[in-house]
PDB file of N, CA and C in Angstrom:
ATOM      1  N   MET A   1      11.890 -10.603 -25.201  1.00  0.00           N
ATOM      2  CA  MET A   1      12.415 -10.348 -24.141  1.00  0.00           C
ATOM      3  C   MET A   1      13.461  -9.419 -23.683  1.00  0.00           C
ATOM      4  N   SER A   2      13.485  -8.451 -23.155  1.00  0.00           N
ATOM      5  CA  SER A   2      14.513  -7.414 -23.050  1.00  0.00           C
ATOM      6  C   SER A   2      15.836  -7.901 -22.546  1.00  0.00           C
ATOM      7  N   SER A   3      16.804  -6.989 -22.773  1.00  0.00           N
ATOM      8  CA  SER A   3      18.358  -7.338 -22.307  1.00  0.00           C
ATOM      9  C   SER A   3      18.232  -6.781 -20.898  1.00  0.00           C
ATOM     10  N   LYS A   4      19.326  -7.086 -20.194  1.00  0.00           N
ATOM     11  CA  LYS A   4      19.386  -6.593 -18.799  1.00  0.00           C
ATOM     12  C   LYS A   4      19.765  -5.097 -18.693  1.00  0.00           C
ATOM     13  N   ALA A   5      20.420  -4.691 -19.820  1.00  0.00           N
ATOM     14  CA  ALA A   5      20.478  -2.926 -19.965  1.00  0.00           C
ATOM     15  C   ALA A   5      19.330  -2.441 -20.194  1.00  0.00           C
ATOM     16  N   GLU A   6      18.391  -3.069 -21.124  1.00  0.00           N
ATOM     17  CA  GLU A   6      17.084  -2.407 -21.403  1.00  0.00           C
ATOM     18  C   GLU A   6      16.254  -2.393 -20.309  1.00  0.00           C
ATOM     19  N   ARG A   7      16.211  -3.305 -19.513  1.00  0.00           N
ATOM     20  CA  ARG A   7      15.555  -3.322 -18.392  1.00  0.00           C
ATOM     21  C   ARG A   7      15.784  -2.545 -17.240  1.00  0.00           C
ATOM     22  N   ARG A   8      17.077  -2.235 -17.028  1.00  0.00           N
ATOM     23  CA  ARG A   8      17.554  -1.292 -16.279  1.00  0.00           C
ATOM     24  C   ARG A   8      17.108   0.027 -16.810  1.00  0.00           C
ATOM     25  N   ALA A   9      17.315   0.202 -18.020  1.00  0.00           N
ATOM     26  CA  ALA A   9      16.536   1.672 -18.371  1.00  0.00           C
ATOM     27  C   ALA A   9      15.383   1.724 -18.375  1.00  0.00           C
ATOM     28  N   GLU A  10      14.466   0.578 -18.411  1.00  0.00           N
ATOM     29  CA  GLU A  10      13.115   0.817 -17.974  1.00  0.00           C
ATOM     30  C   GLU A  10      12.760   0.893 -16.796  1.00  0.00           C
ATOM     31  N   ARG A  11      13.457   0.541 -15.792  1.00  0.00           N
ATOM     32  CA  ARG A  11      13.283   0.625 -14.436  1.00  0.00           C
ATOM     33  C   ARG A  11      13.837   1.960 -14.053  1.00  0.00           C
ATOM     34  N   GLU A  12      14.851   2.545 -14.603  1.00  0.00           N
ATOM     35  CA  GLU A  12      15.069   3.987 -14.448  1.00  0.00           C
ATOM     36  C   GLU A  12      14.014   4.928 -15.092  1.00  0.00           C
ATOM     37  N   SER A  13      13.570   4.664 -15.916  1.00  0.00           N
ATOM     38  CA  SER A  13      12.510   5.527 -16.618  1.00  0.00           C
ATOM     39  C   SER A  13      11.297   5.578 -15.660  1.00  0.00           C
ATOM     40  N   VAL A  14      10.890   4.360 -15.322  1.00  0.00           N
ATOM     41  CA  VAL A  14       9.571   4.302 -14.586  1.00  0.00           C
ATOM     42  C   VAL A  14      10.172   4.856 -13.070  1.00  0.00           C
ATOM     43  N   ALA A  15      11.277   4.917 -12.410  1.00  0.00           N
ATOM     44  CA  ALA A  15      11.463   5.477 -11.290  1.00  0.00           C
ATOM     45  C   ALA A  15      11.631   7.063 -11.374  1.00  0.00           C
ATOM     46  N   ALA A  16      12.193   7.411 -12.527  1.00  0.00           N
ATOM     47  CA  ALA A  16      11.969   8.866 -12.744  1.00  0.00           C
ATOM     48  C   ALA A  16      10.623   9.523 -12.948  1.00  0.00           C
ATOM     49  N   PHE A  17       9.943   8.873 -13.695  1.00  0.00           N
ATOM     50  CA  PHE A  17       8.408   9.091 -14.065  1.00  0.00           C
ATOM     51  C   PHE A  17       7.583   9.255 -12.587  1.00  0.00           C
ATOM     52  N   HIS A  18       7.952   8.301 -11.702  1.00  0.00           N
ATOM     53  CA  HIS A  18       7.194   8.218 -10.316  1.00  0.00           C
ATOM     54  C   HIS A  18       7.707   9.330  -9.588  1.00  0.00           C
ATOM     55  N   GLU A  19       8.727   9.585  -9.538  1.00  0.00           N
ATOM     56  CA  GLU A  19       9.279  10.759  -8.631  1.00  0.00           C
ATOM     57  C   GLU A  19       8.886  12.019  -9.305  1.00  0.00           C
ATOM     58  N   ALA A  20       9.002  12.347 -10.558  1.00  0.00           N
ATOM     59  CA  ALA A  20       8.336  13.613 -11.212  1.00  0.00           C
ATOM     60  C   ALA A  20       6.908  13.694 -10.681  1.00  0.00           C
ATOM     61  N   GLU A  21       6.139  12.742 -10.966  1.00  0.00           N
ATOM     62  CA  GLU A  21       4.654  12.744 -10.621  1.00  0.00           C
ATOM     63  C   GLU A  21       4.405  12.829  -9.112  1.00  0.00           C
ATOM     64  N   LEU A  22       5.073  12.114  -8.311  1.00  0.00           N
ATOM     65  CA  LEU A  22       4.907  12.323  -6.976  1.00  0.00           C
ATOM     66  C   LEU A  22       5.264  13.659  -6.481  1.00  0.00           C
ATOM     67  N   ALA A  23       6.211  14.280  -7.020  1.00  0.00           N
ATOM     68  CA  ALA A  23       6.402  15.647  -6.872  1.00  0.00           C
ATOM     69  C   ALA A  23       5.530  16.763  -6.962  1.00  0.00           C
ATOM     70  N   LYS A  24       4.639  16.395  -8.106  1.00  0.00           N
ATOM     71  CA  LYS A  24       3.440  17.397  -8.529  1.00  0.00           C
ATOM     72  C   LYS A  24       2.483  17.293  -7.318  1.00  0.00           C
ATOM     73  N   LEU A  25       2.462  16.047  -6.965  1.00  0.00           N
ATOM     74  CA  LEU A  25       1.366  15.637  -5.833  1.00  0.00           C
ATOM     75  C   LEU A  25       1.514  16.189  -4.495  1.00  0.00           C
ATOM     76  N   VAL A  26       2.994  15.987  -4.059  1.00  0.00           N
ATOM     77  CA  VAL A  26       3.591  16.845  -3.078  1.00  0.00           C
ATOM     78  C   VAL A  26       3.404  18.266  -2.839  1.00  0.00           C
ATOM     79  N   GLY A  27       3.705  18.817  -3.963  1.00  0.00           N
ATOM     80  CA  GLY A  27       3.368  20.113  -4.478  1.00  0.00           C
ATOM     81  C   GLY A  27       2.023  20.648  -3.948  1.00  0.00           C
ATOM     82  N   ARG A  28       0.932  19.971  -4.404  1.00  0.00           N
ATOM     83  CA  ARG A  28      -0.395  20.154  -3.808  1.00  0.00           C
ATOM     84  C   ARG A  28      -0.474  20.388  -2.497  1.00  0.00           C
ATOM     85  N   VAL A  29       0.140  19.384  -1.882  1.00  0.00           N
ATOM     86  CA  VAL A  29      -0.022  19.297  -0.196  1.00  0.00           C
ATOM     87  C   VAL A  29       0.725  20.618   0.158  1.00  0.00           C
ATOM     88  N   GLY A  30       1.660  21.020  -0.170  1.00  0.00           N
ATOM     89  CA  GLY A  30       2.488  22.116   0.064  1.00  0.00           C
ATOM     90  C   GLY A  30       1.815  23.325   0.207  1.00  0.00           C
ATOM     91  N   GLU A  31       1.065  23.521  -1.098  1.00  0.00           N
ATOM     92  CA  GLU A  31       0.090  24.493  -1.337  1.00  0.00           C
ATOM     93  C   GLU A  31      -0.937  24.700  -0.417  1.00  0.00           C
ATOM     94  N   ALA A  32      -1.403  23.513  -0.033  1.00  0.00           N
ATOM     95  CA  ALA A  32      -2.695  23.495   1.036  1.00  0.00           C
ATOM     96  C   ALA A  32      -2.053  23.965   2.529  1.00  0.00           C
ATOM     97  N   ILE A  33      -0.800  23.392   2.686  1.00  0.00           N
ATOM     98  CA  ILE A  33      -0.446  23.756   4.223  1.00  0.00           C
ATOM     99  C   ILE A  33       0.116  25.232   4.208  1.00  0.00           C
ATOM    100  N   ASP A  34       0.527  25.838   2.885  1.00  0.00           N
ATOM    101  CA  ASP A  34       0.649  27.136   2.894  1.00  0.00           C
ATOM    102  C   ASP A  34      -0.672  27.966   3.113  1.00  0.00           C
ATOM    103  N   GLY A  35      -1.775  27.325   2.479  1.00  0.00           N
ATOM    104  CA  GLY A  35      -2.955  28.280   2.685  1.00  0.00           C
ATOM    105  C   GLY A  35      -3.400  28.173   3.963  1.00  0.00           C
ATOM    106  N   PHE A  36      -3.423  27.115   4.679  1.00  0.00           N
ATOM    107  CA  PHE A  36      -3.553  27.169   6.136  1.00  0.00           C
ATOM    108  C   PHE A  36      -2.933  28.045   6.720  1.00  0.00           C
ATOM    109  N   ARG A  37      -1.523  27.880   6.703  1.00  0.00           N
ATOM    110  CA  ARG A  37      -0.478  28.845   7.562  1.00  0.00           C
ATOM    111  C   ARG A  37      -1.097  30.366   7.084  1.00  0.00           C
ATOM    112  N   SER A  38      -1.505  30.819   6.021  1.00  0.00           N
ATOM    113  CA  SER A  38      -1.983  32.139   5.742  1.00  0.00           C
ATOM    114  C   SER A  38      -3.335  32.504   6.324  1.00  0.00           C
ATOM    115  N   GLY A  39      -4.081  31.301   6.492  1.00  0.00           N
ATOM    116  CA  GLY A  39      -5.477  31.558   6.980  1.00  0.00           C
ATOM    117  C   GLY A  39      -6.378  31.295   5.874  1.00  0.00           C
ATOM    118  N   ARG A  40      -5.885  31.238   4.542  1.00  0.00           N
ATOM    119  CA  ARG A  40      -6.921  30.947   3.303  1.00  0.00           C
ATOM    120  C   ARG A  40      -7.859  29.650   3.238  1.00  0.00           C
ATOM    121  N   LEU A  41      -7.156  28.530   4.086  1.00  0.00           N
ATOM    122  CA  LEU A  41      -7.795  27.413   4.079  1.00  0.00           C
ATOM    123  C   LEU A  41      -7.963  27.072   5.598  1.00  0.00           C
ATOM    124  N   ASP A  42      -8.949  26.456   5.900  1.00  0.00           N
ATOM    125  CA  ASP A  42      -9.188  25.778   7.355  1.00  0.00           C
ATOM    126  C   ASP A  42      -8.430  24.366   7.394  1.00  0.00           C
ATOM    127  N   ALA A  43      -8.505  23.889   8.640  1.00  0.00           N
ATOM    128  CA  ALA A  43      -8.091  22.684   8.788  1.00  0.00           C
ATOM    129  C   ALA A  43      -8.666  21.365   7.857  1.00  0.00           C
ATOM    130  N   PHE A  44     -10.172  21.511   7.926  1.00  0.00           N
ATOM    131  CA  PHE A  44     -10.818  20.400   7.454  1.00  0.00           C
ATOM    132  C   PHE A  44     -10.498  20.454   5.622  1.00  0.00           C
ATOM    133  N   GLU A  45     -10.141  21.759   5.106  1.00  0.00           N
ATOM    134  CA  GLU A  45      -9.810  21.754   3.601  1.00  0.00           C
ATOM    135  C   GLU A  45      -8.717  21.141   3.228  1.00  0.00           C
ATOM    136  N   VAL A  46      -7.726  21.440   4.629  1.00  0.00           N
ATOM    137  CA  VAL A  46      -6.378  20.808   4.370  1.00  0.00           C
ATOM    138  C   VAL A  46      -6.395  19.227   4.453  1.00  0.00           C
ATOM    139  N   ASP A  47      -7.204  18.695   5.263  1.00  0.00           N
ATOM    140  CA  ASP A  47      -7.501  17.261   5.599  1.00  0.00           C
ATOM    141  C   ASP A  47      -8.125  16.736   4.201  1.00  0.00           C
ATOM    142  N   ARG A  48      -8.843  17.494   3.465  1.00  0.00           N
ATOM    143  CA  ARG A  48      -9.424  16.826   2.232  1.00  0.00           C
ATOM    144  C   ARG A  48      -8.365  16.838   1.121  1.00  0.00           C
ATOM    145  N   VAL A  49      -7.482  17.877   1.177  1.00  0.00           N
ATOM    146  CA  VAL A  49      -6.213  17.816   0.240  1.00  0.00           C
ATOM    147  C   VAL A  49      -5.301  16.488   0.573  1.00  0.00           C
ATOM    148  N   LEU A  50      -5.140  16.273   1.887  1.00  0.00           N
ATOM    149  CA  LEU A  50      -4.234  15.338   2.320  1.00  0.00           C
ATOM    150  C   LEU A  50      -4.851  13.883   2.104  1.00  0.00           C
ATOM    151  N   PHE A  51      -5.937  13.759   2.267  1.00  0.00           N
ATOM    152  CA  PHE A  51      -6.931  12.511   1.687  1.00  0.00           C
ATOM    153  C   PHE A  51      -6.925  12.484   0.324  1.00  0.00           C
ATOM    154  N   GLN A  52      -6.918  13.492  -0.312  1.00  0.00           N
ATOM    155  CA  GLN A  52      -6.895  12.970  -2.067  1.00  0.00           C
ATOM    156  C   GLN A  52      -5.503  12.853  -2.284  1.00  0.00           C
ATOM    157  N   TYR A  53      -4.548  13.536  -2.038  1.00  0.00           N
ATOM    158  CA  TYR A  53      -2.922  13.123  -2.002  1.00  0.00           C
ATOM    159  C   TYR A  53      -2.773  11.561  -1.699  1.00  0.00           C
ATOM    160  N   SER A  54      -3.340  11.280  -0.602  1.00  0.00           N
ATOM    161  CA  SER A  54      -3.074   9.742  -0.039  1.00  0.00           C
ATOM    162  C   SER A  54      -3.709   8.732  -1.208  1.00  0.00           C
ATOM    163  N   ARG A  55      -4.863   9.075  -1.715  1.00  0.00           N
ATOM    164  CA  ARG A  55      -5.372   8.097  -2.833  1.00  0.00           C
ATOM    165  C   ARG A  55      -4.817   8.312  -4.012  1.00  0.00           C
ATOM    166  N   ALA A  56      -4.441   9.595  -4.456  1.00  0.00           N
ATOM    167  CA  ALA A  56      -3.636   9.719  -5.701  1.00  0.00           C
ATOM    168  C   ALA A  56      -2.350   9.012  -5.585  1.00  0.00           C
ATOM    169  N   ALA A  57      -1.448   9.252  -4.628  1.00  0.00           N
ATOM    170  CA  ALA A  57       0.032   8.756  -4.543  1.00  0.00           C
ATOM    171  C   ALA A  57      -0.122   7.079  -4.586  1.00  0.00           C
ATOM    172  N   LYS A  58      -1.235   6.541  -3.965  1.00  0.00           N
ATOM    173  CA  LYS A  58      -1.398   5.165  -4.002  1.00  0.00           C
ATOM    174  C   LYS A  58      -1.761   4.558  -5.438  1.00  0.00           C
ATOM    175  N   LYS A  59      -2.464   5.225  -6.166  1.00  0.00           N
ATOM    176  CA  LYS A  59      -2.622   4.846  -7.374  1.00  0.00           C
ATOM    177  C   LYS A  59      -1.631   5.025  -8.301  1.00  0.00           C
ATOM    178  N   LEU A  60      -0.808   6.138  -8.035  1.00  0.00           N
ATOM    179  CA  LEU A  60       0.523   6.202  -8.873  1.00  0.00           C
ATOM    180  C   LEU A  60       1.629   5.051  -8.482  1.00  0.00           C
ATOM    181  N   TRP A  61       1.424   4.694  -7.466  1.00  0.00           N
ATOM    182  CA  TRP A  61       2.271   3.694  -6.909  1.00  0.00           C
ATOM    183  C   TRP A  61       1.998   2.503  -7.403  1.00  0.00           C
ATOM    184  N   LYS A  62       0.813   2.214  -7.515  1.00  0.00           N
ATOM    185  CA  LYS A  62       0.191   0.759  -8.084  1.00  0.00           C
ATOM    186  C   LYS A  62       0.601   0.927  -9.637  1.00  0.00           C
ATOM    187  N   PHE A  63       0.397   2.002 -10.260  1.00  0.00           N
ATOM    188  CA  PHE A  63       0.765   1.911 -11.564  1.00  0.00           C
ATOM    189  C   PHE A  63       2.158   1.676 -11.878  1.00  0.00           C
ATOM    190  N   CYS A  64       3.079   2.294 -11.121  1.00  0.00           N
ATOM    191  CA  CYS A  64       4.403   2.132 -11.389  1.00  0.00           C
ATOM    192  C   CYS A  64       5.147   0.890 -10.961  1.00  0.00           C
ATOM    193  N   ASN A  65       4.371   0.153 -10.161  1.00  0.00           N
ATOM    194  CA  ASN A  65       5.203  -0.767  -9.163  1.00  0.00           C
ATOM    195  C   ASN A  65       4.466  -2.389  -9.565  1.00  0.00           C
ATOM    196  N   LEU A  66       3.383  -2.331  -9.945  1.00  0.00           N
ATOM    197  CA  LEU A  66       2.549  -3.643  -9.808  1.00  0.00           C
ATOM    198  C   LEU A  66       2.458  -4.432 -11.187  1.00  0.00           C
ATOM    199  N   GLY A  67       2.984  -3.722 -12.300  1.00  0.00           N
ATOM    200  CA  GLY A  67       2.874  -4.307 -13.666  1.00  0.00           C
ATOM    201  C   GLY A  67       4.395  -4.685 -14.011  1.00  0.00           C
ATOM    202  N   PRO A  68       4.431  -5.535 -15.148  1.00  0.00           N
ATOM    203  CA  PRO A  68       5.660  -5.551 -15.767  1.00  0.00           C
ATOM    204  C   PRO A  68       6.367  -4.398 -16.206  1.00  0.00           C
ATOM    205  N   VAL A  69       7.692  -4.212 -15.790  1.00  0.00           N
ATOM    206  CA  VAL A  69       8.232  -2.803 -16.008  1.00  0.00           C
ATOM    207  C   VAL A  69       8.486  -2.462 -17.492  1.00  0.00           C
ATOM    208  N   GLU A  70       8.339  -3.513 -18.298  1.00  0.00           N
ATOM    209  CA  GLU A  70       8.234  -3.072 -19.908  1.00  0.00           C
ATOM    210  C   GLU A  70       7.138  -2.580 -20.189  1.00  0.00           C
ATOM    211  N   LEU A  71       6.043  -2.989 -19.582  1.00  0.00           N
ATOM    212  CA  LEU A  71       4.551  -2.383 -20.080  1.00  0.00           C
ATOM    213  C   LEU A  71       4.626  -1.023 -19.501  1.00  0.00           C
ATOM    214  N   THR A  72       4.969  -1.077 -18.190  1.00  0.00           N
ATOM    215  CA  THR A  72       4.823   0.269 -17.657  1.00  0.00           C
ATOM    216  C   THR A  72       5.627   1.368 -18.302  1.00  0.00           C
ATOM    217  N   ALA A  73       6.970   1.189 -18.773  1.00  0.00           N
ATOM    218  CA  ALA A  73       7.672   2.069 -19.191  1.00  0.00           C
ATOM    219  C   ALA A  73       7.109   2.272 -20.820  1.00  0.00           C
ATOM    220  N   SER A  74       6.490   1.417 -21.405  1.00  0.00           N
ATOM    221  CA  SER A  74       5.767   1.688 -22.572  1.00  0.00           C
ATOM    222  C   SER A  74       4.593   2.762 -22.759  1.00  0.00           C
ATOM    223  N   LEU A  75       3.945   2.319 -21.360  1.00  0.00           N
ATOM    224  CA  LEU A  75       2.714   3.142 -21.263  1.00  0.00           C
ATOM    225  C   LEU A  75       3.124   4.526 -21.176  1.00  0.00           C
ATOM    226  N   ILE A  76       4.299   4.823 -20.204  1.00  0.00           N
ATOM    227  CA  ILE A  76       4.696   6.137 -19.914  1.00  0.00           C
ATOM    228  C   ILE A  76       5.002   6.640 -21.125  1.00  0.00           C
ATOM    229  N   THR A  77       5.833   6.219 -22.145  1.00  0.00           N
ATOM    230  CA  THR A  77       6.237   6.924 -23.193  1.00  0.00           C
ATOM    231  C   THR A  77       4.795   7.291 -24.187  1.00  0.00           C
ATOM    232  N   ARG A  78       4.134   6.509 -24.152  1.00  0.00           N
ATOM    233  CA  ARG A  78       2.889   6.626 -24.986  1.00  0.00           C
ATOM    234  C   ARG A  78       1.892   7.668 -24.372  1.00  0.00           C
ATOM    235  N   ASP A  79       1.997   7.806 -22.962  1.00  0.00           N
ATOM    236  CA  ASP A  79       0.832   8.528 -22.270  1.00  0.00           C
ATOM    237  C   ASP A  79       0.768  10.100 -22.615  1.00  0.00           C
ATOM    238  N   ASP A  80       0.151  10.332 -23.580  1.00  0.00           N
ATOM    239  CA  ASP A  80       0.063  11.786 -24.149  1.00  0.00           C
ATOM    240  C   ASP A  80      -1.621  12.134 -24.368  1.00  0.00           C
ATOM    241  N   PRO A  81      -2.247  12.833 -23.878  1.00  0.00           N
ATOM    242  CA  PRO A  81      -1.771  13.533 -22.549  1.00  0.00           C
ATOM    243  C   PRO A  81      -1.498  12.604 -21.460  1.00  0.00           C
ATOM    244  N   SER A  82      -0.816  13.364 -20.567  1.00  0.00           N
ATOM    245  CA  SER A  82      -0.347  12.358 -19.404  1.00  0.00           C
ATOM    246  C   SER A  82      -1.637  12.187 -18.465  1.00  0.00           C
ATOM    247  N   THR A  83      -1.500  11.246 -17.582  1.00  0.00           N
ATOM    248  CA  THR A  83      -2.545  10.975 -16.645  1.00  0.00           C
ATOM    249  C   THR A  83      -2.503  11.995 -15.597  1.00  0.00           C
ATOM    250  N   ASP A  84      -3.856  12.493 -15.163  1.00  0.00           N
ATOM    251  CA  ASP A  84      -3.826  13.382 -14.171  1.00  0.00           C
ATOM    252  C   ASP A  84      -3.856  12.652 -12.761  1.00  0.00           C
ATOM    253  N   TRP A  85      -2.873  12.196 -12.053  1.00  0.00           N
ATOM    254  CA  TRP A  85      -3.004  11.429 -10.929  1.00  0.00           C
ATOM    255  C   TRP A  85      -3.799  12.224  -9.874  1.00  0.00           C
ATOM    256  N   TRP A  86      -3.570  13.469  -9.574  1.00  0.00           N
ATOM    257  CA  TRP A  86      -4.353  14.085  -8.667  1.00  0.00           C
ATOM    258  C   TRP A  86      -6.001  14.024  -9.078  1.00  0.00           C
ATOM    259  N   GLU A  87      -6.448  13.983  -9.960  1.00  0.00           N
ATOM    260  CA  GLU A  87      -7.802  13.759 -10.405  1.00  0.00           C
ATOM    261  C   GLU A  87      -8.228  12.429 -10.167  1.00  0.00           C
ATOM    262  N   ARG A  88      -7.408  11.366 -10.485  1.00  0.00           N
ATOM    263  CA  ARG A  88      -7.591   9.926 -10.337  1.00  0.00           C
ATOM    264  C   ARG A  88      -7.709   9.719  -8.706  1.00  0.00           C
ATOM    265  N   GLY A  89      -7.182  10.695  -7.910  1.00  0.00           N
ATOM    266  CA  GLY A  89      -7.411  10.325  -6.455  1.00  0.00           C
ATOM    267  C   GLY A  89      -8.505  11.062  -5.853  1.00  0.00           C
ATOM    268  N   THR A  90      -9.078  11.608  -6.704  1.00  0.00           N
ATOM    269  CA  THR A  90     -10.486  12.421  -6.064  1.00  0.00           C
ATOM    270  C   THR A  90     -11.490  11.415  -5.575  1.00  0.00           C
ATOM    271  N   PRO A  91     -11.985  11.726  -4.255  1.00  0.00           N
ATOM    272  CA  PRO A  91     -13.067  10.730  -3.696  1.00  0.00           C
ATOM    273  C   PRO A  91     -14.193  10.825  -4.394  1.00  0.00           C
ATOM    274  N   ARG A  92     -14.809   9.672  -4.485  1.00  0.00           N
ATOM    275  CA  ARG A  92     -16.272   9.449  -5.194  1.00  0.00           C
ATOM    276  C   ARG A  92     -17.187  10.292  -4.166  1.00  0.00           C
ATOM    277  N   ARG A  93     -17.956  11.009  -4.935  1.00  0.00           N
ATOM    278  CA  ARG A  93     -19.124  11.562  -4.264  1.00  0.00           C
ATOM    279  C   ARG A  93     -20.271  10.472  -3.867  1.00  0.00           C
ATOM    280  N   ARG A  94     -20.967  10.592  -2.913  1.00  0.00           N
ATOM    281  CA  ARG A  94     -21.937   9.793  -2.462  1.00  0.00           C
ATOM    282  C   ARG A  94     -23.404  10.467  -3.071  1.00  0.00           C
TER     283      ARG A  94
END
């Protein structure tokens, strides 16, 4: 069992990881919006990016919030190469 300080450090580690990975996903959305504004992407292409962002952000949230913080923190430190959350959010093809 972890001490209070260890659990706090683990929570902070998971929160920092979550924020950093979420920032990468939001960056993809920003690129898509910029592409729409410049005329490189149409509204449907941006919509696909937004849909994939939503799926990826949900998977990331579940990873960071639904398990024991000790386990999540240990998975984050062992995760090499890191999980591609954007790829994990890719919709399945029919």
